[in-house]
Amino acid sequence: CNDDVFVDKLSASATEVQMNSAGDSAVVTLSTKDWYIASIKKTKEQNSENYPVTIFDENGKMTGMESFLYIEGNAKLVFSNPYNGFTIERKDNTLKIKVERNRTSKDFLFTVFLANSYGYLPVSVTQLPSTDEASSGKDFTK
């Protein structure tokens, strides 16, 4: 064992996060600052489809729109459509996850794959489906 070689094993305060349908947020603390966001997938499987996200730097300037990621520095990633969405913020050793209202009758699922030289760490998010007509995406005011 060489004590001069130290690998920051990547671990998190949570790897399964459940959010409520009305919109919610959570902060996941990582064991090290040495990590990056590798991808945001539509399921827990690493080979599943990526969510296309808009990427902002730490000053709020849009830097691109991507499906394939390698986000090392502080940044914000946003996905939104008329039915649901999320904002992921990477800062130092924290990952902040915020979800918009889920206006569907199904769970909204996504997995943020984090990585460093040691390996990958999936953080899976499940947002509960809407249970009321007001959040179903339909306009009942007409």
N, C-alpha and C. Protein backbone atom coordinates (compact mmCIF):
# COMPACT_ATOMS: atom_id res chain seq x y z
N CYS A 1 0.84 -1.19 0.00
CA CYS A 1 0.00 0.00 0.00
C CYS A 1 0.88 1.24 0.00
N ASN A 2 0.66 2.12 -0.93
CA ASN A 2 1.43 3.35 -1.04
C ASN A 2 0.63 4.49 -0.43
N ASP A 3 1.09 5.02 0.71
CA ASP A 3 0.36 6.09 1.40
C ASP A 3 0.41 7.41 0.65
N ASP A 4 1.30 7.54 -0.36
CA ASP A 4 1.40 8.77 -1.14
C ASP A 4 0.31 8.86 -2.20
N VAL A 5 -0.32 7.74 -2.50
CA VAL A 5 -1.38 7.72 -3.50
C VAL A 5 -2.71 7.68 -2.76
N PHE A 6 -3.55 8.69 -3.05
CA PHE A 6 -4.84 8.77 -2.36
C PHE A 6 -5.91 9.04 -3.40
N VAL A 7 -6.91 8.18 -3.45
CA VAL A 7 -8.03 8.35 -4.37
C VAL A 7 -9.24 8.75 -3.55
N ASP A 8 -9.88 9.83 -3.95
CA ASP A 8 -11.09 10.28 -3.27
C ASP A 8 -12.27 9.45 -3.76
N LYS A 9 -12.61 8.41 -2.99
CA LYS A 9 -13.75 7.59 -3.35
C LYS A 9 -15.01 8.43 -3.28
N LEU A 10 -15.80 8.32 -4.30
CA LEU A 10 -17.01 9.12 -4.40
C LEU A 10 -18.16 8.42 -3.69
N SER A 11 -18.71 9.11 -2.69
CA SER A 11 -19.92 8.62 -2.02
C SER A 11 -20.81 9.83 -1.77
N ALA A 12 -22.08 9.56 -1.46
CA ALA A 12 -23.06 10.64 -1.32
C ALA A 12 -23.92 10.42 -0.09
N SER A 13 -24.48 11.51 0.42
CA SER A 13 -25.38 11.43 1.58
C SER A 13 -26.68 10.71 1.22
N ALA A 14 -27.01 10.66 -0.08
CA ALA A 14 -28.20 9.93 -0.54
C ALA A 14 -27.99 9.54 -2.00
N THR A 15 -28.47 8.36 -2.36
CA THR A 15 -28.42 7.95 -3.77
C THR A 15 -29.82 7.66 -4.31
N GLU A 16 -30.83 7.73 -3.46
CA GLU A 16 -32.24 7.60 -3.86
C GLU A 16 -32.98 8.77 -3.22
N VAL A 17 -33.60 9.59 -4.05
CA VAL A 17 -34.30 10.78 -3.56
C VAL A 17 -35.74 10.73 -4.06
N GLN A 18 -36.70 10.94 -3.15
CA GLN A 18 -38.10 11.00 -3.55
C GLN A 18 -38.61 12.41 -3.32
N MET A 19 -39.28 12.96 -4.32
CA MET A 19 -39.79 14.33 -4.26
C MET A 19 -41.31 14.32 -4.37
N ASN A 20 -41.95 15.36 -3.81
CA ASN A 20 -43.41 15.44 -3.91
C ASN A 20 -43.83 16.03 -5.25
N SER A 21 -45.10 15.87 -5.60
CA SER A 21 -45.59 16.26 -6.92
C SER A 21 -45.68 17.77 -7.12
N ALA A 22 -45.78 18.52 -6.04
CA ALA A 22 -46.01 19.97 -6.15
C ALA A 22 -44.74 20.75 -6.48
N GLY A 23 -43.60 20.10 -6.52
CA GLY A 23 -42.32 20.77 -6.67
C GLY A 23 -41.59 20.63 -5.35
N ASP A 24 -40.31 20.37 -5.42
CA ASP A 24 -39.57 20.04 -4.21
C ASP A 24 -38.09 20.25 -4.48
N SER A 25 -37.28 20.17 -3.43
CA SER A 25 -35.83 20.28 -3.61
C SER A 25 -35.13 19.43 -2.57
N ALA A 26 -33.89 19.08 -2.90
CA ALA A 26 -33.06 18.29 -2.00
C ALA A 26 -31.61 18.64 -2.27
N VAL A 27 -30.78 18.48 -1.25
CA VAL A 27 -29.34 18.69 -1.40
C VAL A 27 -28.65 17.39 -1.04
N VAL A 28 -27.80 16.93 -1.95
CA VAL A 28 -27.01 15.73 -1.73
C VAL A 28 -25.57 16.19 -1.53
N THR A 29 -24.96 15.76 -0.43
CA THR A 29 -23.59 16.13 -0.12
C THR A 29 -22.66 14.99 -0.55
N LEU A 30 -21.60 15.34 -1.26
CA LEU A 30 -20.64 14.37 -1.74
C LEU A 30 -19.44 14.31 -0.81
N SER A 31 -18.75 13.19 -0.83
CA SER A 31 -17.61 12.96 0.06
C SER A 31 -16.37 13.73 -0.36
N THR A 32 -16.36 14.28 -1.55
CA THR A 32 -15.18 14.96 -2.08
C THR A 32 -15.62 16.07 -3.04
N LYS A 33 -14.71 16.99 -3.32
CA LYS A 33 -14.97 18.01 -4.34
C LYS A 33 -14.51 17.53 -5.72
N ASP A 34 -13.86 16.38 -5.75
CA ASP A 34 -13.32 15.81 -6.98
C ASP A 34 -14.37 14.93 -7.65
N TRP A 35 -15.30 15.54 -8.40
CA TRP A 35 -16.35 14.81 -9.09
C TRP A 35 -16.90 15.65 -10.21
N TYR A 36 -17.61 15.02 -11.11
CA TYR A 36 -18.26 15.74 -12.20
C TYR A 36 -19.60 15.08 -12.51
N ILE A 37 -20.47 15.83 -13.19
CA ILE A 37 -21.74 15.28 -13.65
C ILE A 37 -21.47 14.66 -15.01
N ALA A 38 -21.67 13.35 -15.11
CA ALA A 38 -21.39 12.64 -16.35
C ALA A 38 -22.60 12.59 -17.27
N SER A 39 -23.79 12.44 -16.69
CA SER A 39 -25.00 12.39 -17.51
C SER A 39 -26.23 12.48 -16.61
N ILE A 40 -27.36 12.78 -17.26
CA ILE A 40 -28.65 12.75 -16.57
C ILE A 40 -29.55 11.89 -17.45
N LYS A 41 -29.90 10.73 -16.93
CA LYS A 41 -30.61 9.70 -17.70
C LYS A 41 -32.08 9.62 -17.32
N LYS A 42 -32.86 9.05 -18.23
CA LYS A 42 -34.31 8.93 -18.01
C LYS A 42 -34.69 7.74 -17.16
N THR A 43 -33.75 6.85 -16.88
CA THR A 43 -33.99 5.71 -15.99
C THR A 43 -32.75 5.53 -15.11
N LYS A 44 -32.72 4.45 -14.35
CA LYS A 44 -31.56 4.14 -13.51
C LYS A 44 -30.46 3.44 -14.29
N GLU A 45 -30.73 3.11 -15.54
CA GLU A 45 -29.76 2.40 -16.37
C GLU A 45 -28.82 3.38 -17.05
N GLN A 46 -27.53 3.11 -16.97
CA GLN A 46 -26.53 4.02 -17.53
C GLN A 46 -26.61 4.10 -19.05
N ASN A 47 -27.17 3.08 -19.69
CA ASN A 47 -27.27 3.10 -21.15
C ASN A 47 -28.61 3.63 -21.64
N SER A 48 -29.42 4.20 -20.76
CA SER A 48 -30.72 4.76 -21.18
C SER A 48 -30.53 6.14 -21.80
N GLU A 49 -31.62 6.68 -22.31
CA GLU A 49 -31.59 7.97 -23.00
C GLU A 49 -31.26 9.12 -22.04
N ASN A 50 -30.48 10.08 -22.54
CA ASN A 50 -30.13 11.28 -21.76
C ASN A 50 -31.24 12.31 -21.84
N TYR A 51 -31.39 13.08 -20.77
CA TYR A 51 -32.23 14.28 -20.83
C TYR A 51 -31.42 15.39 -21.47
N PRO A 52 -31.97 16.10 -22.44
CA PRO A 52 -31.28 17.28 -22.98
C PRO A 52 -31.42 18.43 -21.99
N VAL A 53 -30.34 19.04 -21.63
CA VAL A 53 -30.38 20.12 -20.63
C VAL A 53 -29.74 21.38 -21.18
N THR A 54 -30.18 22.51 -20.63
CA THR A 54 -29.54 23.79 -20.89
C THR A 54 -28.55 24.00 -19.75
N ILE A 55 -27.33 24.38 -20.10
CA ILE A 55 -26.25 24.51 -19.11
C ILE A 55 -25.94 25.98 -18.89
N PHE A 56 -25.84 26.36 -17.61
CA PHE A 56 -25.48 27.72 -17.22
C PHE A 56 -24.23 27.67 -16.35
N ASP A 57 -23.34 28.65 -16.50
CA ASP A 57 -22.18 28.69 -15.62
C ASP A 57 -22.57 29.28 -14.27
N GLU A 58 -21.61 29.41 -13.36
CA GLU A 58 -21.94 29.87 -12.00
C GLU A 58 -22.39 31.32 -11.97
N ASN A 59 -22.21 32.08 -13.07
CA ASN A 59 -22.67 33.46 -13.15
C ASN A 59 -24.03 33.57 -13.83
N GLY A 60 -24.62 32.43 -14.19
CA GLY A 60 -25.93 32.44 -14.81
C GLY A 60 -25.91 32.59 -16.32
N LYS A 61 -24.73 32.58 -16.93
CA LYS A 61 -24.61 32.71 -18.38
C LYS A 61 -24.80 31.34 -19.03
N MET A 62 -25.71 31.30 -20.02
CA MET A 62 -25.95 30.04 -20.73
C MET A 62 -24.71 29.67 -21.52
N THR A 63 -24.24 28.43 -21.35
CA THR A 63 -23.04 27.99 -22.04
C THR A 63 -23.33 26.94 -23.10
N GLY A 64 -24.55 26.43 -23.13
CA GLY A 64 -24.87 25.45 -24.16
C GLY A 64 -26.09 24.63 -23.82
N MET A 65 -26.43 23.78 -24.78
CA MET A 65 -27.51 22.81 -24.61
C MET A 65 -26.93 21.46 -25.01
N GLU A 66 -26.97 20.51 -24.10
CA GLU A 66 -26.30 19.24 -24.33
C GLU A 66 -27.11 18.07 -23.80
N SER A 67 -26.83 16.91 -24.36
CA SER A 67 -27.33 15.65 -23.82
C SER A 67 -26.19 14.86 -23.19
N PHE A 68 -24.99 15.04 -23.72
CA PHE A 68 -23.82 14.35 -23.20
C PHE A 68 -23.00 15.34 -22.40
N LEU A 69 -22.71 15.00 -21.15
CA LEU A 69 -22.16 15.98 -20.21
C LEU A 69 -20.78 15.59 -19.70
N TYR A 70 -20.07 16.60 -19.25
CA TYR A 70 -18.86 16.45 -18.45
C TYR A 70 -18.74 17.78 -17.72
N ILE A 71 -19.50 17.92 -16.63
CA ILE A 71 -19.58 19.19 -15.91
C ILE A 71 -18.74 19.10 -14.65
N GLU A 72 -17.55 19.74 -14.68
CA GLU A 72 -16.64 19.71 -13.53
C GLU A 72 -16.81 20.90 -12.60
N GLY A 73 -16.96 22.08 -13.15
CA GLY A 73 -17.03 23.28 -12.33
C GLY A 73 -18.43 23.54 -11.83
N ASN A 74 -18.57 24.61 -11.07
CA ASN A 74 -19.88 25.01 -10.58
C ASN A 74 -20.76 25.37 -11.77
N ALA A 75 -21.96 24.80 -11.80
CA ALA A 75 -22.85 25.01 -12.94
C ALA A 75 -24.28 24.67 -12.55
N LYS A 76 -25.20 25.08 -13.43
CA LYS A 76 -26.62 24.78 -13.27
C LYS A 76 -27.09 24.14 -14.57
N LEU A 77 -27.84 23.06 -14.47
CA LEU A 77 -28.39 22.36 -15.62
C LEU A 77 -29.90 22.34 -15.49
N VAL A 78 -30.60 22.70 -16.57
CA VAL A 78 -32.05 22.85 -16.51
C VAL A 78 -32.71 22.02 -17.61
N PHE A 79 -33.74 21.27 -17.23
CA PHE A 79 -34.61 20.58 -18.16
C PHE A 79 -36.03 20.99 -17.82
N SER A 80 -36.81 21.36 -18.86
CA SER A 80 -38.18 21.76 -18.61
C SER A 80 -39.05 21.46 -19.82
N ASN A 81 -40.26 21.03 -19.55
CA ASN A 81 -41.28 20.88 -20.58
C ASN A 81 -42.62 21.26 -19.94
N PRO A 82 -43.72 21.24 -20.67
CA PRO A 82 -45.00 21.66 -20.06
C PRO A 82 -45.50 20.79 -18.91
N TYR A 83 -44.93 19.61 -18.72
CA TYR A 83 -45.47 18.66 -17.75
C TYR A 83 -44.62 18.50 -16.49
N ASN A 84 -43.31 18.73 -16.59
CA ASN A 84 -42.41 18.56 -15.45
C ASN A 84 -41.04 19.15 -15.82
N GLY A 85 -40.13 19.10 -14.89
CA GLY A 85 -38.79 19.60 -15.16
C GLY A 85 -37.94 19.57 -13.92
N PHE A 86 -36.64 19.85 -14.11
CA PHE A 86 -35.72 19.87 -12.98
C PHE A 86 -34.60 20.86 -13.21
N THR A 87 -34.00 21.27 -12.11
CA THR A 87 -32.78 22.08 -12.13
C THR A 87 -31.78 21.36 -11.24
N ILE A 88 -30.59 21.14 -11.77
CA ILE A 88 -29.51 20.50 -11.04
C ILE A 88 -28.40 21.52 -10.89
N GLU A 89 -27.93 21.76 -9.67
CA GLU A 89 -26.82 22.68 -9.44
C GLU A 89 -25.65 21.91 -8.84
N ARG A 90 -24.48 22.09 -9.47
CA ARG A 90 -23.25 21.49 -8.98
C ARG A 90 -22.40 22.59 -8.36
N LYS A 91 -22.08 22.44 -7.09
CA LYS A 91 -21.23 23.43 -6.42
C LYS A 91 -20.37 22.72 -5.38
N ASP A 92 -19.06 22.80 -5.58
CA ASP A 92 -18.09 22.19 -4.67
C ASP A 92 -18.46 20.73 -4.39
N ASN A 93 -18.83 20.41 -3.16
CA ASN A 93 -19.17 19.02 -2.84
C ASN A 93 -20.68 18.83 -2.62
N THR A 94 -21.50 19.68 -3.27
CA THR A 94 -22.95 19.50 -3.14
C THR A 94 -23.62 19.45 -4.51
N LEU A 95 -24.69 18.69 -4.55
CA LEU A 95 -25.55 18.57 -5.71
C LEU A 95 -26.94 18.96 -5.25
N LYS A 96 -27.45 20.09 -5.76
CA LYS A 96 -28.79 20.54 -5.39
C LYS A 96 -29.73 20.14 -6.52
N ILE A 97 -30.82 19.49 -6.13
CA ILE A 97 -31.81 19.01 -7.09
C ILE A 97 -33.14 19.69 -6.78
N LYS A 98 -33.70 20.34 -7.78
CA LYS A 98 -35.00 20.99 -7.61
C LYS A 98 -35.90 20.52 -8.75
N VAL A 99 -37.12 20.12 -8.40
CA VAL A 99 -38.06 19.69 -9.42
C VAL A 99 -39.23 20.66 -9.49
N GLU A 100 -39.73 20.86 -10.71
CA GLU A 100 -40.94 21.65 -10.92
C GLU A 100 -42.14 20.77 -10.60
N ARG A 101 -43.33 21.34 -10.64
CA ARG A 101 -44.54 20.56 -10.40
C ARG A 101 -44.64 19.45 -11.45
N ASN A 102 -44.98 18.25 -11.00
CA ASN A 102 -45.22 17.13 -11.90
C ASN A 102 -46.70 17.16 -12.28
N ARG A 103 -46.96 17.53 -13.52
CA ARG A 103 -48.34 17.69 -13.99
C ARG A 103 -48.85 16.43 -14.70
N THR A 104 -48.22 15.31 -14.42
CA THR A 104 -48.64 14.05 -15.05
C THR A 104 -49.21 13.12 -13.99
N SER A 105 -49.75 12.01 -14.45
CA SER A 105 -50.29 10.99 -13.54
C SER A 105 -49.28 9.87 -13.31
N LYS A 106 -48.03 10.06 -13.74
CA LYS A 106 -46.98 9.05 -13.58
C LYS A 106 -45.81 9.63 -12.78
N ASP A 107 -45.04 8.73 -12.17
CA ASP A 107 -43.79 9.16 -11.54
C ASP A 107 -42.89 9.81 -12.59
N PHE A 108 -42.20 10.86 -12.21
CA PHE A 108 -41.18 11.49 -13.06
C PHE A 108 -39.84 11.00 -12.55
N LEU A 109 -39.12 10.26 -13.40
CA LEU A 109 -37.88 9.63 -13.00
C LEU A 109 -36.69 10.21 -13.74
N PHE A 110 -35.58 10.36 -13.03
CA PHE A 110 -34.31 10.66 -13.68
C PHE A 110 -33.17 10.27 -12.74
N THR A 111 -32.03 10.00 -13.33
CA THR A 111 -30.85 9.62 -12.56
C THR A 111 -29.69 10.50 -12.98
N VAL A 112 -29.06 11.13 -12.00
CA VAL A 112 -27.88 11.95 -12.24
C VAL A 112 -26.67 11.04 -11.99
N PHE A 113 -25.90 10.80 -13.05
CA PHE A 113 -24.69 9.98 -12.90
C PHE A 113 -23.51 10.90 -12.61
N LEU A 114 -22.95 10.72 -11.41
CA LEU A 114 -21.77 11.46 -10.99
C LEU A 114 -20.57 10.55 -11.18
N ALA A 115 -19.39 11.15 -11.33
CA ALA A 115 -18.20 10.33 -11.53
C ALA A 115 -16.95 11.06 -11.08
N ASN A 116 -15.92 10.27 -10.84
CA ASN A 116 -14.55 10.78 -10.69
C ASN A 116 -13.63 9.66 -11.17
N SER A 117 -12.35 9.79 -10.92
CA SER A 117 -11.41 8.78 -11.42
C SER A 117 -11.63 7.42 -10.76
N TYR A 118 -12.36 7.38 -9.67
CA TYR A 118 -12.62 6.13 -8.96
C TYR A 118 -13.77 5.34 -9.59
N GLY A 119 -14.78 6.04 -10.14
CA GLY A 119 -15.92 5.36 -10.74
C GLY A 119 -17.15 6.22 -10.79
N TYR A 120 -18.28 5.59 -11.11
CA TYR A 120 -19.56 6.27 -11.23
C TYR A 120 -20.40 6.11 -9.97
N LEU A 121 -21.27 7.10 -9.73
CA LEU A 121 -22.20 7.04 -8.62
C LEU A 121 -23.55 7.58 -9.10
N PRO A 122 -24.57 6.73 -9.23
CA PRO A 122 -25.88 7.21 -9.65
C PRO A 122 -26.67 7.78 -8.47
N VAL A 123 -27.32 8.92 -8.70
CA VAL A 123 -28.26 9.50 -7.74
C VAL A 123 -29.61 9.52 -8.45
N SER A 124 -30.51 8.64 -8.02
CA SER A 124 -31.81 8.48 -8.68
C SER A 124 -32.87 9.31 -7.99
N VAL A 125 -33.67 9.98 -8.81
CA VAL A 125 -34.73 10.85 -8.30
C VAL A 125 -36.08 10.35 -8.83
N THR A 126 -37.04 10.24 -7.93
CA THR A 126 -38.41 9.90 -8.29
C THR A 126 -39.31 10.99 -7.75
N GLN A 127 -40.05 11.63 -8.66
CA GLN A 127 -41.02 12.62 -8.25
C GLN A 127 -42.40 12.00 -8.38
N LEU A 128 -43.17 12.07 -7.32
CA LEU A 128 -44.49 11.48 -7.30
C LEU A 128 -45.41 12.13 -8.32
N PRO A 129 -46.40 11.38 -8.83
CA PRO A 129 -47.34 11.94 -9.80
C PRO A 129 -48.32 12.89 -9.14
N SER A 130 -48.90 13.72 -9.96
CA SER A 130 -49.92 14.65 -9.47
C SER A 130 -51.17 13.87 -9.09
N THR A 131 -51.81 14.33 -8.03
CA THR A 131 -53.03 13.66 -7.58
C THR A 131 -54.25 14.57 -7.67
N ASP A 132 -54.06 15.81 -8.11
CA ASP A 132 -55.19 16.73 -8.17
C ASP A 132 -55.32 17.30 -9.58
N GLU A 133 -56.54 17.68 -9.95
CA GLU A 133 -56.81 18.21 -11.28
C GLU A 133 -56.09 19.52 -11.54
N ALA A 134 -55.88 20.31 -10.50
CA ALA A 134 -55.23 21.62 -10.68
C ALA A 134 -53.79 21.48 -11.14
N SER A 135 -53.16 20.35 -10.87
CA SER A 135 -51.77 20.20 -11.28
C SER A 135 -51.62 19.23 -12.46
N SER A 136 -52.72 18.89 -13.12
CA SER A 136 -52.67 17.92 -14.20
C SER A 136 -52.23 18.53 -15.52
N GLY A 137 -51.96 19.82 -15.57
CA GLY A 137 -51.56 20.45 -16.81
C GLY A 137 -52.74 20.94 -17.64
N LYS A 138 -53.95 20.68 -17.19
CA LYS A 138 -55.14 21.12 -17.90
C LYS A 138 -55.59 22.45 -17.31
N ASP A 139 -56.17 23.28 -18.15
CA ASP A 139 -56.66 24.59 -17.71
C ASP A 139 -58.15 24.46 -17.38
N PHE A 140 -58.48 24.53 -16.09
CA PHE A 140 -59.87 24.39 -15.66
C PHE A 140 -60.52 25.73 -15.40
N THR A 141 -59.89 26.85 -15.81
CA THR A 141 -60.45 28.17 -15.54
C THR A 141 -61.39 28.64 -16.64
N LYS A 142 -61.45 27.95 -17.77
CA LYS A 142 -62.29 28.38 -18.89
C LYS A 142 -63.70 27.87 -18.77
